[in-house]
Protein backbone atom coordinates (compact mmCIF):
# COMPACT_ATOMS: atom_id res chain seq x y z
CA MET A 1 -171.19 -114.12 5.59
CA THR A 2 -170.05 -113.98 1.82
CA LYS A 3 -170.88 -116.48 -0.36
CA ASP A 4 -167.96 -118.24 0.12
CA GLU A 5 -167.88 -118.54 4.06
CA ALA A 6 -172.18 -120.03 3.03
CA ARG A 7 -170.87 -122.58 1.16
CA LYS A 8 -168.37 -124.03 3.47
CA VAL A 9 -171.23 -124.07 6.32
CA ALA A 10 -173.38 -125.70 3.51
CA ARG A 11 -170.81 -128.44 3.46
CA ALA A 12 -169.87 -128.91 6.59
CA LEU A 13 -173.63 -129.43 7.09
CA GLU A 14 -173.60 -131.74 4.33
CA LEU A 15 -171.04 -133.75 5.81
CA VAL A 16 -172.62 -134.41 9.39
CA GLY A 17 -175.78 -135.21 8.16
CA LEU A 18 -177.37 -131.54 8.61
CA PRO A 19 -179.59 -129.97 6.31
CA GLY A 20 -179.27 -126.55 4.77
CA GLU A 21 -178.50 -124.72 1.57
CA ALA A 22 -176.28 -122.05 1.19
CA GLY A 23 -178.15 -119.05 -1.02
CA PRO A 24 -178.08 -115.27 -0.79
CA ALA A 25 -179.87 -113.06 1.99
CA ASP A 26 -181.61 -111.26 -1.01
CA PRO A 27 -182.49 -113.33 -4.02
CA ALA A 28 -182.21 -109.86 -5.92
CA VAL A 29 -178.72 -109.16 -4.90
CA PRO A 30 -176.64 -112.58 -5.10
CA ASP A 31 -173.45 -110.54 -4.22
CA GLY A 32 -174.34 -109.51 -1.27
CA ALA A 33 -175.31 -111.40 2.19
CA TRP A 34 -175.69 -115.01 2.37
CA ARG A 35 -177.26 -117.45 4.90
CA ILE A 36 -178.20 -120.50 5.12
CA TRP A 37 -181.91 -121.68 4.21
CA ARG A 38 -183.62 -124.46 5.22
CA ASP A 39 -187.70 -125.27 3.77
CA GLY A 40 -187.06 -121.36 2.63
CA GLN A 41 -186.44 -120.41 6.37
CA ASP A 42 -183.28 -118.24 7.49
CA VAL A 43 -181.72 -121.29 9.13
CA THR A 44 -177.92 -119.75 9.73
CA LEU A 45 -177.36 -119.83 13.24
CA ALA A 46 -179.49 -122.57 14.12
CA SER A 47 -177.50 -124.19 11.96
CA LEU A 48 -174.15 -122.68 13.63
CA ASP A 49 -175.61 -123.90 17.04
CA ALA A 50 -176.12 -127.68 15.41
CA LEU A 51 -172.79 -127.49 13.75
CA ILE A 52 -171.42 -126.73 17.40
CA GLU A 53 -173.77 -129.33 19.34
CA HIS A 54 -173.17 -131.98 16.53
CA LEU A 55 -168.89 -131.49 17.63
CA GLY A 56 -169.99 -132.04 21.17
CA GLY A 57 -170.37 -128.50 22.02
CA GLU A 58 -166.45 -127.85 21.02
CA THR A 59 -166.26 -124.44 20.56
CA ALA A 60 -162.36 -124.37 19.63
CA PRO A 61 -161.97 -122.01 16.06
CA LEU A 62 -162.52 -124.59 13.12
CA GLU A 63 -160.47 -123.03 11.24
CA PRO A 64 -158.85 -119.21 10.88
CA GLY A 65 -161.15 -116.49 11.36
CA TRP A 66 -163.84 -118.59 13.01
CA HIS A 67 -164.61 -118.25 16.95
CA ASP A 68 -167.52 -120.06 18.81
CA GLY A 69 -168.70 -121.35 15.66
CA HIS A 70 -168.98 -117.88 14.52
CA PRO A 71 -167.05 -116.38 11.90
CA VAL A 72 -165.17 -113.47 13.14
CA ARG A 73 -162.67 -110.60 11.80
CA GLY A 74 -159.91 -109.11 14.10
CA PHE A 75 -156.37 -109.11 15.03
CA VAL A 76 -154.72 -110.87 17.95
CA PHE A 77 -151.71 -108.80 19.28
CA PRO A 78 -150.34 -111.19 21.88
CA ASP A 79 -148.02 -109.04 23.53
CA ALA A 80 -150.46 -106.33 24.18
CA GLY A 81 -150.41 -105.13 27.43
CA ARG A 82 -146.88 -106.06 28.33
CA GLY A 83 -145.23 -102.96 29.28
């Protein structure tokens, strides 16, 4: 995830009282991918799952670009397949 996305996830974790800090996946490449860290461990997926659990298992998009609590990219073509 990007730096901004990781910071949004970390902020959401903070708001619901869950631990986690945003940081680069590789400290030598701060402009690269970012993850969620706790006690030096990459807890990105566990943190996203914890947010979903905290929301009562709700998997509706949290904001545009999110699905099942995980960031996604793509396009939606609502009329696709209609003759």
